[in-house]
C-alpha atoms as a PDB file:
ATOM      1  CA  MET A   1     -10.447 -19.252  87.088  1.00  0.00           C
ATOM      2  CA  PRO A   2     -12.117 -15.777  87.315  1.00  0.00           C
ATOM      3  CA  ARG A   3      -8.968 -13.981  86.081  1.00  0.00           C
ATOM      4  CA  PRO A   4      -9.166 -15.162  82.416  1.00  0.00           C
ATOM      5  CA  LYS A   5     -12.779 -13.956  82.279  1.00  0.00           C
ATOM      6  CA  ARG A   6     -11.768 -10.525  83.547  1.00  0.00           C
ATOM      7  CA  ARG A   7      -8.963 -10.345  81.000  1.00  0.00           C
ATOM      8  CA  GLY A   8     -11.378 -11.327  78.243  1.00  0.00           C
ATOM      9  CA  ARG A   9     -13.802  -8.600  79.282  1.00  0.00           C
ATOM     10  CA  LYS A  10     -11.033  -6.016  79.368  1.00  0.00           C
ATOM     11  CA  ALA A  11      -9.874  -7.071  75.889  1.00  0.00           C
ATOM     12  CA  LEU A  12     -13.443  -6.793  74.588  1.00  0.00           C
ATOM     13  CA  ILE A  13     -13.821  -3.325  76.101  1.00  0.00           C
ATOM     14  CA  VAL A  14     -10.518  -2.202  74.583  1.00  0.00           C
ATOM     15  CA  LEU A  15     -11.592  -3.569  71.206  1.00  0.00           C
ATOM     16  CA  LEU A  16     -14.936  -1.758  71.387  1.00  0.00           C
ATOM     17  CA  VAL A  17     -13.207   1.494  72.339  1.00  0.00           C
ATOM     18  CA  LEU A  18     -10.801   1.122  69.417  1.00  0.00           C
ATOM     19  CA  LEU A  19     -13.700   0.487  67.037  1.00  0.00           C
ATOM     20  CA  LEU A  20     -15.507   3.573  68.303  1.00  0.00           C
ATOM     21  CA  VAL A  21     -12.366   5.662  67.871  1.00  0.00           C
ATOM     22  CA  ILE A  22     -11.877   4.360  64.326  1.00  0.00           C
ATOM     23  CA  VAL A  23     -15.527   5.034  63.433  1.00  0.00           C
ATOM     24  CA  GLY A  24     -15.250   8.503  64.945  1.00  0.00           C
ATOM     25  CA  LEU A  25     -12.109   9.243  62.926  1.00  0.00           C
ATOM     26  CA  LEU A  26     -13.795   8.031  59.755  1.00  0.00           C
ATOM     27  CA  VAL A  27     -16.822  10.253  60.412  1.00  0.00           C
ATOM     28  CA  VAL A  28     -14.568  13.253  61.052  1.00  0.00           C
ATOM     29  CA  ALA A  29     -12.592  12.517  57.883  1.00  0.00           C
ATOM     30  CA  ASP A  30     -15.836  12.181  55.933  1.00  0.00           C
ATOM     31  CA  ARG A  31     -17.190  15.521  57.194  1.00  0.00           C
ATOM     32  CA  VAL A  32     -13.879  17.335  56.663  1.00  0.00           C
ATOM     33  CA  GLY A  33     -13.704  15.956  53.133  1.00  0.00           C
ATOM     34  CA  ALA A  34     -17.291  17.065  52.476  1.00  0.00           C
ATOM     35  CA  SER A  35     -16.559  20.568  53.778  1.00  0.00           C
ATOM     36  CA  VAL A  36     -13.492  20.924  51.560  1.00  0.00           C
ATOM     37  CA  ALA A  37     -15.409  19.595  48.549  1.00  0.00           C
ATOM     38  CA  ASN A  38     -18.309  21.990  49.195  1.00  0.00           C
ATOM     39  CA  ASP A  39     -15.915  24.941  49.038  1.00  0.00           C
ATOM     40  CA  LYS A  40     -14.271  23.629  45.867  1.00  0.00           C
ATOM     41  CA  VAL A  41     -17.620  23.084  44.120  1.00  0.00           C
ATOM     42  CA  ALA A  42     -18.769  26.585  45.096  1.00  0.00           C
ATOM     43  CA  GLN A  43     -15.573  28.051  43.621  1.00  0.00           C
ATOM     44  CA  GLN A  44     -16.053  26.118  40.375  1.00  0.00           C
ATOM     45  CA  VAL A  45     -19.699  27.241  40.145  1.00  0.00           C
ATOM     46  CA  ALA A  46     -18.563  30.855  40.506  1.00  0.00           C
ATOM     47  CA  VAL A  47     -16.032  30.420  37.690  1.00  0.00           C
ATOM     48  CA  GLN A  48     -18.683  28.843  35.438  1.00  0.00           C
ATOM     49  CA  ALA A  49     -21.139  31.653  36.182  1.00  0.00           C
ATOM     50  CA  ARG A  50     -18.607  34.324  35.226  1.00  0.00           C
ATOM     51  CA  LYS A  51     -17.836  32.463  32.003  1.00  0.00           C
ATOM     52  CA  ASN A  52     -21.525  32.929  31.151  1.00  0.00           C
ATOM     53  CA  ASP A  53     -21.381  36.688  31.842  1.00  0.00           C
ATOM     54  CA  VAL A  54     -23.220  36.394  35.156  1.00  0.00           C
ATOM     55  CA  LYS A  55     -22.022  38.929  37.710  1.00  0.00           C
ATOM     56  CA  LEU A  56     -22.067  37.743  41.324  1.00  0.00           C
ATOM     57  CA  GLY A  57     -22.785  40.126  44.180  1.00  0.00           C
ATOM     58  CA  GLN A  58     -21.821  37.381  46.623  1.00  0.00           C
ATOM     59  CA  GLU A  59     -19.791  34.212  46.251  1.00  0.00           C
ATOM     60  CA  PRO A  60     -22.032  31.137  45.888  1.00  0.00           C
ATOM     61  CA  THR A  61     -22.241  28.359  48.448  1.00  0.00           C
ATOM     62  CA  ALA A  62     -22.598  24.640  47.748  1.00  0.00           C
ATOM     63  CA  GLU A  63     -23.527  21.571  49.759  1.00  0.00           C
ATOM     64  CA  ILE A  64     -23.049  17.968  48.714  1.00  0.00           C
ATOM     65  CA  THR A  65     -25.791  16.087  50.555  1.00  0.00           C
ATOM     66  CA  GLY A  66     -25.863  12.472  51.608  1.00  0.00           C
ATOM     67  CA  PHE A  67     -23.750  10.357  53.982  1.00  0.00           C
ATOM     68  CA  PRO A  68     -21.186   9.025  53.780  1.00  0.00           C
ATOM     69  CA  PHE A  69     -19.541  11.517  51.446  1.00  0.00           C
ATOM     70  CA  LEU A  70     -16.384   9.525  50.722  1.00  0.00           C
ATOM     71  CA  THR A  71     -18.284   6.617  49.178  1.00  0.00           C
ATOM     72  CA  GLN A  72     -19.880   9.084  46.745  1.00  0.00           C
ATOM     73  CA  VAL A  73     -16.434  10.417  45.877  1.00  0.00           C
ATOM     74  CA  ALA A  74     -15.192   6.890  45.217  1.00  0.00           C
ATOM     75  CA  ALA A  75     -18.147   6.211  42.905  1.00  0.00           C
ATOM     76  CA  GLY A  76     -17.847   9.577  41.139  1.00  0.00           C
ATOM     77  CA  LYS A  77     -21.604  10.085  41.445  1.00  0.00           C
ATOM     78  CA  TYR A  78     -23.494  12.289  43.893  1.00  0.00           C
ATOM     79  CA  ASP A  79     -27.190  12.070  44.650  1.00  0.00           C
ATOM     80  CA  LYS A  80     -27.745  15.783  45.174  1.00  0.00           C
ATOM     81  CA  ILE A  81     -25.836  19.070  45.285  1.00  0.00           C
ATOM     82  CA  LEU A  82     -27.450  22.260  46.573  1.00  0.00           C
ATOM     83  CA  VAL A  83     -26.133  25.576  45.247  1.00  0.00           C
ATOM     84  CA  HIS A  84     -27.181  28.985  46.605  1.00  0.00           C
ATOM     85  CA  MET A  85     -26.430  32.179  44.665  1.00  0.00           C
ATOM     86  CA  ARG A  86     -27.309  35.748  45.686  1.00  0.00           C
ATOM     87  CA  ASP A  87     -27.354  39.188  44.038  1.00  0.00           C
ATOM     88  CA  LEU A  88     -26.779  38.048  40.462  1.00  0.00           C
ATOM     89  CA  GLN A  89     -26.788  40.335  37.445  1.00  0.00           C
ATOM     90  CA  ALA A  90     -27.503  38.434  34.232  1.00  0.00           C
ATOM     91  CA  GLN A  91     -27.487  40.621  31.132  1.00  0.00           C
ATOM     92  CA  ALA A  92     -30.182  43.273  31.610  1.00  0.00           C
ATOM     93  CA  TYR A  93     -31.931  41.938  34.687  1.00  0.00           C
ATOM     94  CA  SER A  94     -31.194  41.304  38.345  1.00  0.00           C
ATOM     95  CA  VAL A  95     -31.681  38.045  40.193  1.00  0.00           C
ATOM     96  CA  PRO A  96     -31.716  38.617  43.968  1.00  0.00           C
ATOM     97  CA  LYS A  97     -31.814  34.872  44.678  1.00  0.00           C
ATOM     98  CA  LEU A  98     -31.099  31.668  42.768  1.00  0.00           C
ATOM     99  CA  ASP A  99     -31.260  28.311  44.557  1.00  0.00           C
ATOM    100  CA  ILE A 100     -30.327  25.221  42.578  1.00  0.00           C
ATOM    101  CA  THR A 101     -30.847  21.533  43.313  1.00  0.00           C
ATOM    102  CA  ALA A 102     -28.709  19.370  41.052  1.00  0.00           C
ATOM    103  CA  THR A 103     -29.441  15.640  40.938  1.00  0.00           C
ATOM    104  CA  GLY A 104     -27.603  12.810  39.253  1.00  0.00           C
ATOM    105  CA  VAL A 105     -24.301  14.669  39.573  1.00  0.00           C
ATOM    106  CA  HIS A 106     -21.183  13.176  37.988  1.00  0.00           C
ATOM    107  CA  ALA A 107     -17.575  14.181  38.699  1.00  0.00           C
ATOM    108  CA  LYS A 108     -14.227  12.473  39.174  1.00  0.00           C
ATOM    109  CA  ALA A 109     -12.936  12.349  42.733  1.00  0.00           C
ATOM    110  CA  SER A 110      -9.840  14.344  41.805  1.00  0.00           C
ATOM    111  CA  ASP A 111     -11.962  17.022  40.104  1.00  0.00           C
ATOM    112  CA  VAL A 112     -14.128  17.523  43.183  1.00  0.00           C
ATOM    113  CA  LEU A 113     -11.314  17.539  45.734  1.00  0.00           C
ATOM    114  CA  ASN A 114      -8.902  19.621  43.633  1.00  0.00           C
ATOM    115  CA  GLY A 115     -11.467  22.144  42.404  1.00  0.00           C
ATOM    116  CA  SER A 116     -10.822  21.441  38.721  1.00  0.00           C
ATOM    117  CA  GLY A 117     -12.383  19.474  35.897  1.00  0.00           C
ATOM    118  CA  THR A 118     -15.978  18.990  34.853  1.00  0.00           C
ATOM    119  CA  ILE A 119     -19.043  18.543  37.049  1.00  0.00           C
ATOM    120  CA  THR A 120     -22.280  17.629  35.265  1.00  0.00           C
ATOM    121  CA  ALA A 121     -25.840  17.002  36.436  1.00  0.00           C
ATOM    122  CA  ASP A 122     -28.607  14.920  34.873  1.00  0.00           C
ATOM    123  CA  GLN A 123     -31.161  17.489  36.041  1.00  0.00           C
ATOM    124  CA  VAL A 124     -31.145  20.907  37.662  1.00  0.00           C
ATOM    125  CA  ASP A 125     -34.173  22.427  39.383  1.00  0.00           C
ATOM    126  CA  GLY A 126     -33.892  26.124  40.109  1.00  0.00           C
ATOM    127  CA  ARG A 127     -35.868  28.645  42.112  1.00  0.00           C
ATOM    128  CA  ALA A 128     -35.007  32.203  41.164  1.00  0.00           C
ATOM    129  CA  THR A 129     -36.281  35.610  42.178  1.00  0.00           C
ATOM    130  CA  ILE A 130     -36.166  38.053  39.263  1.00  0.00           C
ATOM    131  CA  GLY A 131     -36.309  41.717  40.281  1.00  0.00           C
ATOM    132  CA  TRP A 132     -39.271  43.813  39.125  1.00  0.00           C
ATOM    133  CA  GLY A 133     -37.151  46.399  37.299  1.00  0.00           C
ATOM    134  CA  TYR A 134     -36.585  44.489  34.053  1.00  0.00           C
ATOM    135  CA  LEU A 135     -40.187  43.258  33.814  1.00  0.00           C
ATOM    136  CA  GLN A 136     -41.616  46.721  34.473  1.00  0.00           C
ATOM    137  CA  GLN A 137     -39.478  48.458  31.863  1.00  0.00           C
ATOM    138  CA  THR A 138     -40.031  45.814  29.186  1.00  0.00           C
ATOM    139  CA  ALA A 139     -43.814  45.721  29.780  1.00  0.00           C
ATOM    140  CA  LYS A 140     -43.953  49.527  29.650  1.00  0.00           C
ATOM    141  CA  ASP A 141     -42.036  49.615  26.350  1.00  0.00           C
ATOM    142  CA  GLN A 142     -44.427  47.089  24.808  1.00  0.00           C
ATOM    143  CA  LEU A 143     -47.559  48.837  26.051  1.00  0.00           C
ATOM    144  CA  LYS A 144     -46.390  52.171  24.654  1.00  0.00           C
ATOM    145  CA  GLN A 145     -46.729  50.634  21.211  1.00  0.00           C
ATOM    146  CA  LYS A 146     -50.495  50.360  21.886  1.00  0.00           C
ATOM    147  CA  ILE A 147     -51.374  53.258  24.179  1.00  0.00           C
ATOM    148  CA  GLN A 148     -49.706  56.030  26.123  1.00  0.00           C
ATOM    149  CA  VAL A 149     -48.580  54.518  29.424  1.00  0.00           C
ATOM    150  CA  ASP A 150     -46.719  56.308  32.203  1.00  0.00           C
ATOM    151  CA  ASP A 151     -45.481  55.389  35.678  1.00  0.00           C
ATOM    152  CA  LEU A 152     -45.930  51.636  35.320  1.00  0.00           C
ATOM    153  CA  THR A 153     -45.191  49.811  38.587  1.00  0.00           C
ATOM    154  CA  LEU A 154     -45.579  46.102  39.313  1.00  0.00           C
ATOM    155  CA  SER A 155     -45.648  44.685  42.825  1.00  0.00           C
ATOM    156  CA  GLY A 156     -46.441  41.310  44.313  1.00  0.00           C
ATOM    157  CA  THR A 157     -47.595  39.887  47.601  1.00  0.00           C
ATOM    158  CA  GLY A 158     -49.038  36.516  48.551  1.00  0.00           C
ATOM    159  CA  GLY A 159     -48.960  35.309  44.945  1.00  0.00           C
ATOM    160  CA  ASN A 160     -51.001  38.281  43.704  1.00  0.00           C
ATOM    161  CA  LEU A 161     -49.748  40.821  41.166  1.00  0.00           C
ATOM    162  CA  THR A 162     -50.767  44.495  41.429  1.00  0.00           C
ATOM    163  CA  VAL A 163     -50.329  47.018  38.617  1.00  0.00           C
ATOM    164  CA  HIS A 164     -50.136  50.809  39.076  1.00  0.00           C
ATOM    165  CA  LEU A 165     -49.974  52.963  35.953  1.00  0.00           C
ATOM    166  CA  THR A 166     -51.165  56.136  34.291  1.00  0.00           C
ATOM    167  CA  VAL A 167     -53.251  55.684  31.139  1.00  0.00           C
ATOM    168  CA  PRO A 168     -55.588  57.737  28.897  1.00  0.00           C
ATOM    169  CA  VAL A 169     -59.224  57.614  30.067  1.00  0.00           C
ATOM    170  CA  LEU A 170     -61.813  59.889  28.467  1.00  0.00           C
ATOM    171  CA  SER A 171     -59.090  62.007  26.823  1.00  0.00           C
ATOM    172  CA  GLN A 172     -57.113  62.542  30.008  1.00  0.00           C
ATOM    173  CA  GLN A 173     -54.217  60.754  31.719  1.00  0.00           C
ATOM    174  CA  VAL A 174     -55.538  59.020  34.843  1.00  0.00           C
ATOM    175  CA  LYS A 175     -53.771  57.050  37.554  1.00  0.00           C
ATOM    176  CA  VAL A 176     -55.284  53.582  37.862  1.00  0.00           C
ATOM    177  CA  VAL A 177     -54.603  50.405  39.824  1.00  0.00           C
ATOM    178  CA  GLY A 178     -55.448  46.862  38.851  1.00  0.00           C
ATOM    179  CA  THR A 179     -54.799  43.200  39.480  1.00  0.00           C
ATOM    180  CA  ALA A 180     -53.055  41.006  36.958  1.00  0.00           C
ATOM    181  CA  LYS A 181     -52.287  37.370  36.287  1.00  0.00           C
ATOM    182  CA  VAL A 182     -48.782  36.267  35.346  1.00  0.00           C
ATOM    183  CA  THR A 183     -48.065  32.891  33.750  1.00  0.00           C
ATOM    184  CA  ALA A 184     -45.236  31.119  31.952  1.00  0.00           C
ATOM    185  CA  ALA A 185     -45.608  31.117  28.163  1.00  0.00           C
ATOM    186  CA  ASP A 186     -45.397  27.960  26.080  1.00  0.00           C
ATOM    187  CA  ASP A 187     -41.811  28.728  25.020  1.00  0.00           C
ATOM    188  CA  HIS A 188     -40.692  28.455  28.699  1.00  0.00           C
ATOM    189  CA  ARG A 189     -38.729  31.695  28.338  1.00  0.00           C
ATOM    190  CA  SER A 190     -41.498  34.295  28.394  1.00  0.00           C
ATOM    191  CA  VAL A 191     -44.006  35.479  30.962  1.00  0.00           C
ATOM    192  CA  VAL A 192     -47.499  36.646  30.066  1.00  0.00           C
ATOM    193  CA  VAL A 193     -48.918  39.515  32.143  1.00  0.00           C
ATOM    194  CA  SER A 194     -52.698  39.834  31.791  1.00  0.00           C
ATOM    195  CA  VAL A 195     -54.475  42.716  33.541  1.00  0.00           C
ATOM    196  CA  LYS A 196     -57.820  41.499  34.887  1.00  0.00           C
ATOM    197  CA  ASP A 197     -59.399  44.695  36.192  1.00  0.00           C
ATOM    198  CA  LEU A 198     -58.723  48.396  36.614  1.00  0.00           C
ATOM    199  CA  LYS A 199     -60.088  51.099  38.889  1.00  0.00           C
ATOM    200  CA  PRO A 200     -59.163  54.721  39.598  1.00  0.00           C
ATOM    201  CA  ASP A 201     -56.233  55.142  41.980  1.00  0.00           C
ATOM    202  CA  GLY A 202     -57.132  58.102  44.181  1.00  0.00           C
ATOM    203  CA  THR A 203     -59.080  59.785  41.352  1.00  0.00           C
ATOM    204  CA  LYS A 204     -62.841  60.146  41.060  1.00  0.00           C
ATOM    205  CA  LEU A 205     -64.338  59.282  37.691  1.00  0.00           C
ATOM    206  CA  PRO A 206     -67.944  59.251  36.504  1.00  0.00           C
ATOM    207  CA  SER A 207     -69.642  55.858  36.663  1.00  0.00           C
ATOM    208  CA  TYR A 208     -69.746  55.476  32.900  1.00  0.00           C
ATOM    209  CA  ALA A 209     -65.927  55.674  32.816  1.00  0.00           C
ATOM    210  CA  GLN A 210     -65.718  52.156  34.298  1.00  0.00           C
ATOM    211  CA  GLN A 211     -66.722  50.727  30.924  1.00  0.00           C
ATOM    212  CA  ALA A 212     -63.741  52.506  29.378  1.00  0.00           C
ATOM    213  CA  LEU A 213     -61.464  51.047  32.061  1.00  0.00           C
ATOM    214  CA  THR A 214     -62.822  47.551  31.440  1.00  0.00           C
ATOM    215  CA  SER A 215     -62.141  47.908  27.727  1.00  0.00           C
ATOM    216  CA  LEU A 216     -58.687  49.301  28.439  1.00  0.00           C
ATOM    217  CA  ALA A 217     -57.752  46.390  30.719  1.00  0.00           C
ATOM    218  CA  GLN A 218     -58.228  44.006  27.807  1.00  0.00           C
ATOM    219  CA  GLN A 219     -55.502  45.875  25.894  1.00  0.00           C
ATOM    220  CA  LEU A 220     -52.952  45.594  28.681  1.00  0.00           C
ATOM    221  CA  THR A 221     -51.807  42.014  28.105  1.00  0.00           C
ATOM    222  CA  VAL A 222     -48.105  41.717  27.290  1.00  0.00           C
ATOM    223  CA  ASN A 223     -45.712  38.864  26.626  1.00  0.00           C
ATOM    224  CA  VAL A 224     -42.284  39.588  28.109  1.00  0.00           C
ATOM    225  CA  THR A 225     -39.342  37.455  26.991  1.00  0.00           C
ATOM    226  CA  LEU A 226     -36.765  37.115  29.739  1.00  0.00           C
ATOM    227  CA  PRO A 227     -33.060  37.048  28.916  1.00  0.00           C
ATOM    228  CA  LYS A 228     -31.484  33.607  29.101  1.00  0.00           C
ATOM    229  CA  LEU A 229     -31.431  32.222  32.629  1.00  0.00           C
ATOM    230  CA  PRO A 230     -28.224  30.625  33.965  1.00  0.00           C
ATOM    231  CA  TYR A 231     -27.660  26.946  33.048  1.00  0.00           C
ATOM    232  CA  GLY A 232     -30.320  27.138  30.327  1.00  0.00           C
ATOM    233  CA  LEU A 233     -33.098  26.900  32.911  1.00  0.00           C
ATOM    234  CA  LYS A 234     -36.613  26.933  31.418  1.00  0.00           C
ATOM    235  CA  LEU A 235     -39.625  28.380  33.233  1.00  0.00           C
ATOM    236  CA  TYR A 236     -42.515  26.199  34.282  1.00  0.00           C
ATOM    237  CA  ASP A 237     -44.087  28.053  37.223  1.00  0.00           C
ATOM    238  CA  ILE A 238     -44.244  31.702  38.341  1.00  0.00           C
ATOM    239  CA  GLN A 239     -45.455  33.432  41.511  1.00  0.00           C
ATOM    240  CA  PRO A 240     -45.339  37.174  42.286  1.00  0.00           C
ATOM    241  CA  ALA A 241     -43.542  38.071  45.535  1.00  0.00           C
ATOM    242  CA  SER A 242     -42.573  41.259  47.338  1.00  0.00           C
ATOM    243  CA  ASP A 243     -38.978  41.256  46.056  1.00  0.00           C
ATOM    244  CA  GLY A 244     -39.745  40.167  42.511  1.00  0.00           C
ATOM    245  CA  LEU A 245     -41.048  37.341  40.394  1.00  0.00           C
ATOM    246  CA  GLN A 246     -40.419  33.904  41.928  1.00  0.00           C
ATOM    247  CA  VAL A 247     -39.626  31.536  39.087  1.00  0.00           C
ATOM    248  CA  GLU A 248     -39.489  27.745  39.129  1.00  0.00           C
ATOM    249  CA  ALA A 249     -37.276  26.465  36.319  1.00  0.00           C
ATOM    250  CA  ARG A 250     -35.700  23.217  35.135  1.00  0.00           C
ATOM    251  CA  ALA A 251     -32.945  22.016  32.822  1.00  0.00           C
ATOM    252  CA  SER A 252     -31.427  18.663  31.848  1.00  0.00           C
ATOM    253  CA  ASP A 253     -27.833  17.591  31.120  1.00  0.00           C
ATOM    254  CA  VAL A 254     -26.266  20.650  32.709  1.00  0.00           C
ATOM    255  CA  THR A 255     -22.575  21.496  33.157  1.00  0.00           C
ATOM    256  CA  LEU A 256     -22.268  22.950  36.645  1.00  0.00           C
ATOM    257  CA  ALA A 257     -18.551  23.533  36.331  1.00  0.00           C
ATOM    258  CA  GLY A 258     -15.792  22.820  33.865  1.00  0.00           C
END
């Protein structure tokens, strides 16, 4: 009588082992499929970027999040795709970093796995770092229409914007330093730089000159329109950082590739 029980236990163990093996194979297949699809999406994003005259210093990377991956492929809809792009050159300005989170992504299974076809997203949220060079030059050109400005330099740290420039004070060109506020304009494509205060930068001035600096600071507000961001992203938040202007942007109904 004990033998049938032992056989039954052995059969159950074998069945459990087989189930574990099958599950393991499915997980491996799912992860391999996701890895292949990530590479294909990244390649398609690169092609789309170049179509929009965006030069890439490095090839982008992509990650389709969520598990299991294969069920998303079958449905043709993906909860979230993360795209990371580095060292971009878009028209006249540099973008050291652009990180994109695409949600509500739609694509046919064959398009994702074969690296062809159209991939769209209901919404794209982007975080970009725009280098200081473009903003500095454009702000300087605008200010020169008001006053004589030389050696304009913008720098950021901890969310604060610092301005170094040479301006006319009491009939002489003086190096000054000040703090400024930078905000997104209502058109979601421009940034407004407003100088809040100025003081001599390594130069001694008479006390009454401070009034002239205060008056001058009020003239140093500029509205800088940025060239079109990739994917039609529109600005909604800005923070100064050491490597440039950190921009939060958003767009709807975006074609990621195709």
